[in-house]
N, C-alpha and C. Protein backbone atom coordinates (compact mmCIF):
# COMPACT_ATOMS: atom_id res chain seq x y z
N MET A 1 23.16 31.91 8.94
CA MET A 1 22.74 30.53 8.84
C MET A 1 23.23 29.96 7.52
N VAL A 2 23.74 28.75 7.55
CA VAL A 2 24.28 28.11 6.36
C VAL A 2 23.16 27.35 5.68
N TYR A 3 23.03 27.56 4.38
CA TYR A 3 22.02 26.85 3.61
C TYR A 3 22.70 25.81 2.75
N HIS A 4 22.03 24.67 2.61
CA HIS A 4 22.56 23.59 1.79
C HIS A 4 21.79 23.56 0.48
N ALA A 5 22.43 23.08 -0.56
CA ALA A 5 21.78 22.95 -1.85
C ALA A 5 20.65 21.94 -1.73
N LEU A 6 19.57 22.19 -2.46
CA LEU A 6 18.44 21.28 -2.45
C LEU A 6 18.76 20.05 -3.28
N SER A 7 18.27 18.91 -2.83
CA SER A 7 18.47 17.68 -3.60
C SER A 7 17.61 17.74 -4.86
N ASP A 8 17.93 16.87 -5.81
CA ASP A 8 17.16 16.83 -7.05
C ASP A 8 15.71 16.47 -6.78
N GLN A 9 15.48 15.59 -5.79
CA GLN A 9 14.12 15.19 -5.48
C GLN A 9 13.32 16.35 -4.89
N VAL A 10 13.92 17.13 -4.02
CA VAL A 10 13.23 18.28 -3.44
C VAL A 10 12.93 19.30 -4.53
N LYS A 11 13.89 19.50 -5.44
CA LYS A 11 13.64 20.40 -6.57
C LYS A 11 12.47 19.92 -7.41
N GLN A 12 12.41 18.60 -7.65
CA GLN A 12 11.31 18.03 -8.44
C GLN A 12 9.98 18.19 -7.71
N GLN A 13 9.97 17.99 -6.39
CA GLN A 13 8.74 18.15 -5.61
C GLN A 13 8.24 19.58 -5.68
N LYS A 14 9.16 20.55 -5.58
CA LYS A 14 8.77 21.96 -5.67
C LYS A 14 8.26 22.29 -7.06
N ALA A 15 8.90 21.76 -8.10
CA ALA A 15 8.46 22.01 -9.47
C ALA A 15 7.08 21.41 -9.70
N THR A 16 6.83 20.22 -9.16
CA THR A 16 5.53 19.58 -9.30
C THR A 16 4.45 20.38 -8.59
N ALA A 17 4.75 20.86 -7.39
CA ALA A 17 3.78 21.68 -6.65
C ALA A 17 3.47 22.96 -7.41
N GLN A 18 4.49 23.56 -8.00
CA GLN A 18 4.29 24.78 -8.77
C GLN A 18 3.46 24.50 -10.02
N HIS A 19 3.74 23.38 -10.69
CA HIS A 19 2.97 23.01 -11.88
C HIS A 19 1.51 22.74 -11.51
N ASN A 20 1.29 22.05 -10.39
CA ASN A 20 -0.08 21.76 -9.95
C ASN A 20 -0.84 23.05 -9.66
N SER A 21 -0.18 24.03 -9.07
CA SER A 21 -0.87 25.29 -8.78
C SER A 21 -1.18 26.05 -10.07
N ARG A 22 -0.26 25.99 -11.05
CA ARG A 22 -0.54 26.62 -12.34
C ARG A 22 -1.70 25.93 -13.05
N MET A 23 -1.74 24.60 -12.96
CA MET A 23 -2.83 23.84 -13.59
C MET A 23 -4.15 24.16 -12.91
N ARG A 24 -4.15 24.26 -11.58
CA ARG A 24 -5.38 24.60 -10.85
C ARG A 24 -5.89 25.98 -11.27
N ALA A 25 -4.96 26.94 -11.41
CA ALA A 25 -5.34 28.29 -11.85
C ALA A 25 -5.90 28.25 -13.27
N ALA A 26 -5.30 27.44 -14.15
CA ALA A 26 -5.78 27.33 -15.53
C ALA A 26 -7.17 26.71 -15.56
N ILE A 27 -7.41 25.69 -14.75
CA ILE A 27 -8.73 25.06 -14.70
C ILE A 27 -9.77 26.06 -14.21
N ASP A 28 -9.42 26.80 -13.15
CA ASP A 28 -10.35 27.80 -12.62
C ASP A 28 -10.66 28.87 -13.66
N GLU A 29 -9.62 29.32 -14.38
CA GLU A 29 -9.86 30.34 -15.40
C GLU A 29 -10.72 29.81 -16.53
N TYR A 30 -10.49 28.57 -16.95
CA TYR A 30 -11.30 28.03 -18.04
C TYR A 30 -12.75 27.87 -17.59
N GLN A 31 -12.95 27.46 -16.34
CA GLN A 31 -14.32 27.34 -15.81
C GLN A 31 -15.01 28.70 -15.82
N GLN A 32 -14.26 29.76 -15.48
CA GLN A 32 -14.82 31.12 -15.54
C GLN A 32 -15.14 31.52 -16.98
N GLN A 33 -14.30 31.11 -17.93
CA GLN A 33 -14.54 31.42 -19.34
C GLN A 33 -15.83 30.77 -19.84
N LYS A 34 -16.11 29.57 -19.35
CA LYS A 34 -17.33 28.87 -19.78
C LYS A 34 -18.59 29.58 -19.31
N LEU A 35 -18.48 30.38 -18.25
CA LEU A 35 -19.64 31.08 -17.71
C LEU A 35 -19.98 32.34 -18.50
N LYS A 36 -19.09 32.80 -19.35
CA LYS A 36 -19.34 34.00 -20.14
C LYS A 36 -20.46 33.74 -21.14
N PRO A 37 -21.41 34.68 -21.25
CA PRO A 37 -22.55 34.44 -22.13
C PRO A 37 -22.19 34.53 -23.62
N ASN A 38 -21.22 35.33 -23.95
CA ASN A 38 -20.86 35.52 -25.35
C ASN A 38 -19.71 34.59 -25.72
N ALA A 39 -19.94 33.68 -26.65
CA ALA A 39 -18.93 32.69 -27.02
C ALA A 39 -17.70 33.33 -27.66
N VAL A 40 -17.85 34.50 -28.24
CA VAL A 40 -16.74 35.17 -28.89
C VAL A 40 -15.70 35.63 -27.86
N ASP A 41 -16.16 36.01 -26.67
CA ASP A 41 -15.27 36.52 -25.62
C ASP A 41 -14.53 35.41 -24.87
N ARG A 42 -14.95 34.17 -25.04
CA ARG A 42 -14.35 33.07 -24.29
C ARG A 42 -12.98 32.71 -24.85
N LEU A 43 -12.07 32.35 -23.94
CA LEU A 43 -10.76 31.87 -24.37
C LEU A 43 -10.83 30.36 -24.62
N SER A 44 -10.08 29.89 -25.58
CA SER A 44 -10.03 28.47 -25.90
C SER A 44 -9.13 27.74 -24.89
N TYR A 45 -9.17 26.40 -24.95
CA TYR A 45 -8.27 25.60 -24.12
C TYR A 45 -6.83 26.01 -24.38
N GLN A 46 -6.49 26.16 -25.66
CA GLN A 46 -5.12 26.48 -26.03
C GLN A 46 -4.69 27.83 -25.47
N ALA A 47 -5.57 28.82 -25.54
CA ALA A 47 -5.23 30.15 -25.05
C ALA A 47 -5.01 30.15 -23.54
N VAL A 48 -5.89 29.46 -22.82
CA VAL A 48 -5.74 29.37 -21.36
C VAL A 48 -4.49 28.58 -21.00
N ALA A 49 -4.23 27.48 -21.71
CA ALA A 49 -3.04 26.67 -21.44
C ALA A 49 -1.77 27.46 -21.69
N ASP A 50 -1.73 28.20 -22.79
CA ASP A 50 -0.55 29.01 -23.09
C ASP A 50 -0.34 30.10 -22.04
N LYS A 51 -1.43 30.69 -21.59
CA LYS A 51 -1.34 31.77 -20.59
C LYS A 51 -0.73 31.26 -19.28
N HIS A 52 -1.06 30.01 -18.91
CA HIS A 52 -0.59 29.45 -17.63
C HIS A 52 0.58 28.49 -17.79
N ASP A 53 1.08 28.34 -19.02
CA ASP A 53 2.22 27.49 -19.30
C ASP A 53 1.98 26.04 -18.86
N VAL A 54 0.84 25.48 -19.30
CA VAL A 54 0.50 24.09 -19.03
C VAL A 54 0.09 23.43 -20.34
N SER A 55 -0.03 22.12 -20.32
CA SER A 55 -0.40 21.36 -21.51
C SER A 55 -1.90 21.52 -21.80
N LYS A 56 -2.23 21.76 -23.07
CA LYS A 56 -3.63 21.93 -23.47
C LYS A 56 -4.41 20.63 -23.27
N SER A 57 -3.82 19.50 -23.65
CA SER A 57 -4.53 18.22 -23.54
C SER A 57 -4.77 17.84 -22.08
N THR A 58 -3.80 18.11 -21.22
CA THR A 58 -3.98 17.82 -19.80
C THR A 58 -5.05 18.73 -19.21
N LEU A 59 -5.02 19.99 -19.58
CA LEU A 59 -6.04 20.93 -19.11
C LEU A 59 -7.43 20.46 -19.54
N GLN A 60 -7.55 20.07 -20.79
CA GLN A 60 -8.84 19.61 -21.31
C GLN A 60 -9.31 18.36 -20.57
N ARG A 61 -8.40 17.42 -20.34
CA ARG A 61 -8.76 16.18 -19.63
C ARG A 61 -9.20 16.47 -18.20
N LEU A 62 -8.49 17.36 -17.51
CA LEU A 62 -8.85 17.67 -16.12
C LEU A 62 -10.15 18.46 -16.03
N VAL A 63 -10.39 19.36 -16.97
CA VAL A 63 -11.65 20.12 -16.98
C VAL A 63 -12.83 19.18 -17.19
N ASN A 64 -12.61 18.13 -17.99
CA ASN A 64 -13.69 17.18 -18.28
C ASN A 64 -13.80 16.07 -17.25
N GLY A 65 -13.20 16.25 -16.08
CA GLY A 65 -13.39 15.31 -14.98
C GLY A 65 -12.28 14.28 -14.82
N GLY A 66 -11.18 14.42 -15.52
CA GLY A 66 -10.07 13.48 -15.38
C GLY A 66 -9.36 13.67 -14.05
N ILE A 67 -8.44 12.76 -13.76
CA ILE A 67 -7.69 12.81 -12.51
C ILE A 67 -6.23 13.12 -12.83
N SER A 68 -5.62 13.94 -12.01
CA SER A 68 -4.22 14.32 -12.23
C SER A 68 -3.31 13.15 -11.82
N MET A 69 -2.08 13.16 -12.32
CA MET A 69 -1.12 12.12 -11.97
C MET A 69 -0.80 12.16 -10.48
N SER A 70 -0.71 13.34 -9.91
CA SER A 70 -0.42 13.46 -8.47
C SER A 70 -1.53 12.82 -7.64
N ALA A 71 -2.77 13.09 -8.02
CA ALA A 71 -3.90 12.51 -7.29
C ALA A 71 -3.95 11.00 -7.48
N PHE A 72 -3.65 10.54 -8.69
CA PHE A 72 -3.65 9.10 -8.96
C PHE A 72 -2.57 8.40 -8.14
N ASN A 73 -1.37 8.99 -8.12
CA ASN A 73 -0.28 8.37 -7.35
C ASN A 73 -0.56 8.39 -5.86
N THR A 74 -1.22 9.42 -5.37
CA THR A 74 -1.59 9.48 -3.96
C THR A 74 -2.58 8.38 -3.62
N SER A 75 -3.47 8.06 -4.57
CA SER A 75 -4.46 7.01 -4.31
C SER A 75 -3.82 5.63 -4.20
N LYS A 76 -2.61 5.44 -4.72
CA LYS A 76 -1.92 4.16 -4.64
C LYS A 76 -1.17 3.98 -3.33
N GLN A 77 -1.07 5.04 -2.53
CA GLN A 77 -0.31 4.98 -1.28
C GLN A 77 -1.03 4.07 -0.30
N ARG A 78 -0.31 3.14 0.29
CA ARG A 78 -0.93 2.18 1.20
C ARG A 78 -1.13 2.72 2.60
N LEU A 79 -0.14 3.43 3.11
CA LEU A 79 -0.27 4.03 4.44
C LEU A 79 -0.75 5.46 4.30
N THR A 80 -1.64 5.86 5.19
CA THR A 80 -2.07 7.25 5.20
C THR A 80 -0.94 8.10 5.78
N PRO A 81 -0.95 9.41 5.56
CA PRO A 81 0.11 10.24 6.17
C PRO A 81 0.17 10.11 7.68
N ALA A 82 -0.98 9.96 8.33
CA ALA A 82 -0.98 9.80 9.79
C ALA A 82 -0.32 8.47 10.19
N GLU A 83 -0.59 7.41 9.42
CA GLU A 83 0.03 6.12 9.71
C GLU A 83 1.54 6.16 9.45
N GLU A 84 1.93 6.87 8.40
CA GLU A 84 3.36 7.04 8.13
C GLU A 84 4.04 7.73 9.30
N ARG A 85 3.38 8.75 9.83
CA ARG A 85 3.94 9.50 10.95
C ARG A 85 4.11 8.59 12.16
N ILE A 86 3.17 7.67 12.38
CA ILE A 86 3.26 6.71 13.50
C ILE A 86 4.49 5.83 13.32
N VAL A 87 4.69 5.30 12.12
CA VAL A 87 5.84 4.44 11.85
C VAL A 87 7.14 5.22 12.04
N ILE A 88 7.18 6.43 11.52
CA ILE A 88 8.40 7.25 11.64
C ILE A 88 8.70 7.56 13.10
N ASN A 89 7.68 7.97 13.84
CA ASN A 89 7.89 8.27 15.26
C ASN A 89 8.37 7.04 16.03
N PHE A 90 7.80 5.87 15.70
CA PHE A 90 8.22 4.63 16.35
C PHE A 90 9.69 4.34 16.05
N CYS A 91 10.10 4.54 14.79
CA CYS A 91 11.51 4.33 14.41
C CYS A 91 12.42 5.28 15.17
N LEU A 92 12.04 6.54 15.23
CA LEU A 92 12.87 7.54 15.90
C LEU A 92 12.95 7.29 17.40
N GLU A 93 11.82 6.93 18.02
CA GLU A 93 11.82 6.65 19.45
C GLU A 93 12.67 5.42 19.78
N SER A 94 12.56 4.38 18.95
CA SER A 94 13.37 3.18 19.17
C SER A 94 14.85 3.49 19.05
N ALA A 95 15.20 4.31 18.07
CA ALA A 95 16.61 4.69 17.88
C ALA A 95 17.10 5.54 19.04
N ASP A 96 16.25 6.43 19.54
CA ASP A 96 16.63 7.25 20.69
C ASP A 96 16.90 6.41 21.93
N ARG A 97 16.21 5.30 22.06
CA ARG A 97 16.39 4.41 23.22
C ARG A 97 17.56 3.46 23.02
N GLY A 98 18.21 3.53 21.86
CA GLY A 98 19.36 2.68 21.62
C GLY A 98 19.03 1.38 20.92
N PHE A 99 17.81 1.24 20.39
CA PHE A 99 17.40 0.03 19.69
C PHE A 99 16.88 0.38 18.30
N PRO A 100 17.78 0.75 17.40
CA PRO A 100 17.32 1.10 16.06
C PRO A 100 16.68 -0.11 15.38
N LEU A 101 15.63 0.14 14.63
CA LEU A 101 14.91 -0.93 13.95
C LEU A 101 15.61 -1.31 12.65
N THR A 102 15.53 -2.58 12.33
CA THR A 102 16.00 -3.02 11.03
C THR A 102 14.89 -2.73 10.01
N VAL A 103 15.23 -2.82 8.75
CA VAL A 103 14.23 -2.59 7.70
C VAL A 103 13.10 -3.60 7.84
N THR A 104 13.43 -4.83 8.16
CA THR A 104 12.40 -5.86 8.33
C THR A 104 11.43 -5.49 9.44
N ASN A 105 11.94 -4.98 10.56
CA ASN A 105 11.08 -4.59 11.66
C ASN A 105 10.18 -3.41 11.29
N VAL A 106 10.70 -2.50 10.48
CA VAL A 106 9.89 -1.38 10.03
C VAL A 106 8.76 -1.89 9.14
N TYR A 107 9.06 -2.83 8.25
CA TYR A 107 8.01 -3.43 7.42
C TYR A 107 6.95 -4.10 8.28
N LYS A 108 7.40 -4.81 9.33
CA LYS A 108 6.45 -5.48 10.23
C LYS A 108 5.55 -4.46 10.92
N CYS A 109 6.13 -3.35 11.34
CA CYS A 109 5.34 -2.28 11.97
C CYS A 109 4.29 -1.75 11.00
N ALA A 110 4.70 -1.49 9.76
CA ALA A 110 3.75 -1.00 8.75
C ALA A 110 2.68 -2.05 8.46
N ASP A 111 3.09 -3.32 8.38
CA ASP A 111 2.13 -4.39 8.12
C ASP A 111 1.12 -4.51 9.26
N ASN A 112 1.59 -4.34 10.51
CA ASN A 112 0.68 -4.41 11.65
C ASN A 112 -0.38 -3.31 11.57
N ILE A 113 0.05 -2.11 11.21
CA ILE A 113 -0.89 -1.00 11.08
C ILE A 113 -1.90 -1.29 9.97
N LEU A 114 -1.41 -1.80 8.83
CA LEU A 114 -2.32 -2.12 7.72
C LEU A 114 -3.27 -3.25 8.09
N ASN A 115 -2.77 -4.27 8.81
CA ASN A 115 -3.64 -5.37 9.23
C ASN A 115 -4.76 -4.90 10.15
N VAL A 116 -4.45 -3.96 11.04
CA VAL A 116 -5.47 -3.43 11.93
C VAL A 116 -6.51 -2.64 11.14
N ARG A 117 -6.04 -1.80 10.22
CA ARG A 117 -6.97 -0.97 9.44
C ARG A 117 -7.79 -1.80 8.46
N LEU A 118 -7.14 -2.75 7.77
CA LEU A 118 -7.84 -3.51 6.74
C LEU A 118 -8.52 -4.75 7.28
N GLY A 119 -8.13 -5.18 8.47
CA GLY A 119 -8.81 -6.29 9.12
C GLY A 119 -8.48 -7.65 8.55
N ASN A 120 -7.37 -7.83 7.89
CA ASN A 120 -7.00 -9.16 7.43
C ASN A 120 -5.62 -9.50 7.95
N GLY A 121 -5.39 -10.75 8.21
CA GLY A 121 -4.11 -11.16 8.75
C GLY A 121 -3.30 -11.94 7.75
N THR A 122 -3.40 -11.59 6.48
CA THR A 122 -2.72 -12.36 5.45
C THR A 122 -1.42 -11.72 5.05
N GLY A 123 -0.34 -12.32 5.40
CA GLY A 123 0.97 -11.97 4.89
C GLY A 123 1.36 -10.51 4.92
N THR A 124 2.28 -10.19 4.03
CA THR A 124 2.84 -8.85 3.94
C THR A 124 1.98 -7.97 3.07
N LEU A 125 1.58 -6.83 3.61
CA LEU A 125 0.76 -5.89 2.86
C LEU A 125 1.57 -4.72 2.34
N ALA A 126 2.57 -4.31 3.09
CA ALA A 126 3.40 -3.18 2.67
C ALA A 126 4.36 -3.67 1.60
N GLY A 127 4.37 -2.98 0.47
CA GLY A 127 5.25 -3.38 -0.62
C GLY A 127 6.70 -3.09 -0.30
N THR A 128 7.58 -3.60 -1.13
CA THR A 128 9.01 -3.44 -0.88
C THR A 128 9.45 -2.00 -1.02
N GLY A 129 8.72 -1.19 -1.76
CA GLY A 129 9.10 0.20 -1.93
C GLY A 129 8.47 1.14 -0.92
N THR A 130 7.58 0.63 -0.06
CA THR A 130 6.87 1.48 0.89
C THR A 130 7.81 2.24 1.80
N LEU A 131 8.78 1.54 2.36
CA LEU A 131 9.70 2.18 3.31
C LEU A 131 10.57 3.21 2.62
N SER A 132 11.15 2.85 1.48
CA SER A 132 12.05 3.81 0.82
C SER A 132 11.30 5.04 0.35
N ARG A 133 10.06 4.88 -0.15
CA ARG A 133 9.29 6.04 -0.58
C ARG A 133 8.90 6.91 0.62
N THR A 134 8.54 6.27 1.74
CA THR A 134 8.17 7.02 2.94
C THR A 134 9.39 7.78 3.47
N ARG A 135 10.54 7.13 3.53
CA ARG A 135 11.75 7.79 4.02
C ARG A 135 12.09 8.98 3.15
N THR A 136 11.99 8.80 1.84
CA THR A 136 12.35 9.87 0.92
C THR A 136 11.34 11.01 1.02
N ARG A 137 10.05 10.68 1.02
CA ARG A 137 9.02 11.70 1.05
C ARG A 137 9.04 12.47 2.37
N ARG A 138 9.33 11.80 3.48
CA ARG A 138 9.29 12.44 4.79
C ARG A 138 10.64 12.94 5.25
N GLY A 139 11.71 12.70 4.50
CA GLY A 139 13.02 13.21 4.87
C GLY A 139 13.66 12.45 6.01
N ILE A 140 13.46 11.13 6.08
CA ILE A 140 14.07 10.31 7.13
C ILE A 140 15.24 9.56 6.51
N TYR A 141 16.39 9.67 7.12
CA TYR A 141 17.60 9.04 6.58
C TYR A 141 18.25 8.17 7.64
N PRO A 142 18.68 6.95 7.30
CA PRO A 142 19.40 6.13 8.27
C PRO A 142 20.79 6.71 8.51
N CYS A 143 21.23 6.73 9.78
CA CYS A 143 22.57 7.20 10.10
C CYS A 143 23.56 6.05 9.92
N THR A 144 24.82 6.37 9.95
CA THR A 144 25.84 5.33 9.77
C THR A 144 25.87 4.37 10.94
N HIS A 145 25.42 4.80 12.11
CA HIS A 145 25.45 3.92 13.29
C HIS A 145 24.15 3.16 13.48
N GLY A 146 23.25 3.17 12.47
CA GLY A 146 22.04 2.37 12.53
C GLY A 146 20.84 3.11 13.07
N SER A 147 20.98 4.34 13.47
CA SER A 147 19.87 5.11 13.99
C SER A 147 19.21 5.87 12.84
N TYR A 148 18.30 6.76 13.15
CA TYR A 148 17.63 7.54 12.14
C TYR A 148 17.69 9.02 12.51
N THR A 149 17.66 9.86 11.49
CA THR A 149 17.62 11.29 11.71
C THR A 149 16.61 11.89 10.75
N THR A 150 16.12 13.08 11.04
CA THR A 150 15.14 13.70 10.17
C THR A 150 15.76 14.72 9.24
N GLY A 151 17.04 14.69 9.08
CA GLY A 151 17.70 15.61 8.17
C GLY A 151 18.44 14.87 7.08
N PRO A 152 19.01 15.60 6.16
CA PRO A 152 19.76 14.95 5.10
C PRO A 152 21.05 14.35 5.63
N PRO A 153 21.69 13.46 4.84
CA PRO A 153 22.94 12.87 5.31
C PRO A 153 23.94 13.96 5.72
N GLY A 154 24.60 13.75 6.84
CA GLY A 154 25.54 14.73 7.36
C GLY A 154 24.92 15.67 8.38
N PHE A 155 23.59 15.58 8.55
CA PHE A 155 22.87 16.41 9.51
C PHE A 155 23.08 15.85 10.90
N ASP A 156 23.45 16.68 11.85
CA ASP A 156 23.74 16.18 13.20
C ASP A 156 22.61 16.36 14.18
N GLY A 157 21.41 16.68 13.70
CA GLY A 157 20.20 16.80 14.50
C GLY A 157 20.38 17.49 15.76
């Protein structure tokens, strides 16, 4: 089987996931250190951060109830993953039938879903970056003939 090089974005996503797991392990370890009865045996924030190769200040902020950047950015997402999947499936089905959607039609589809969920009929709700972020995050790429594929450019599905 032929393997293709990972894109920079996929590499960044994997690095972020790895960092998040290291941070979660560091938080768990620090929480365990706080349970030790003898203060001399406890590891400091710096010691735990160095052990897990994470930032001491970020570890301290998250232990004290702060929110991670990944969680914060997820909270800004307008469409839920299930709603994104609906839009993507609609795009793929339309393309399979020979009627690929334009970007404007995809925005309208996303806006319709948001209008139903949020219950207001006021203008455009999906931001201009919604489609490009969804395509990038979900691995959907427009083909040269106007259709869509779920693989990277050059993928023949």
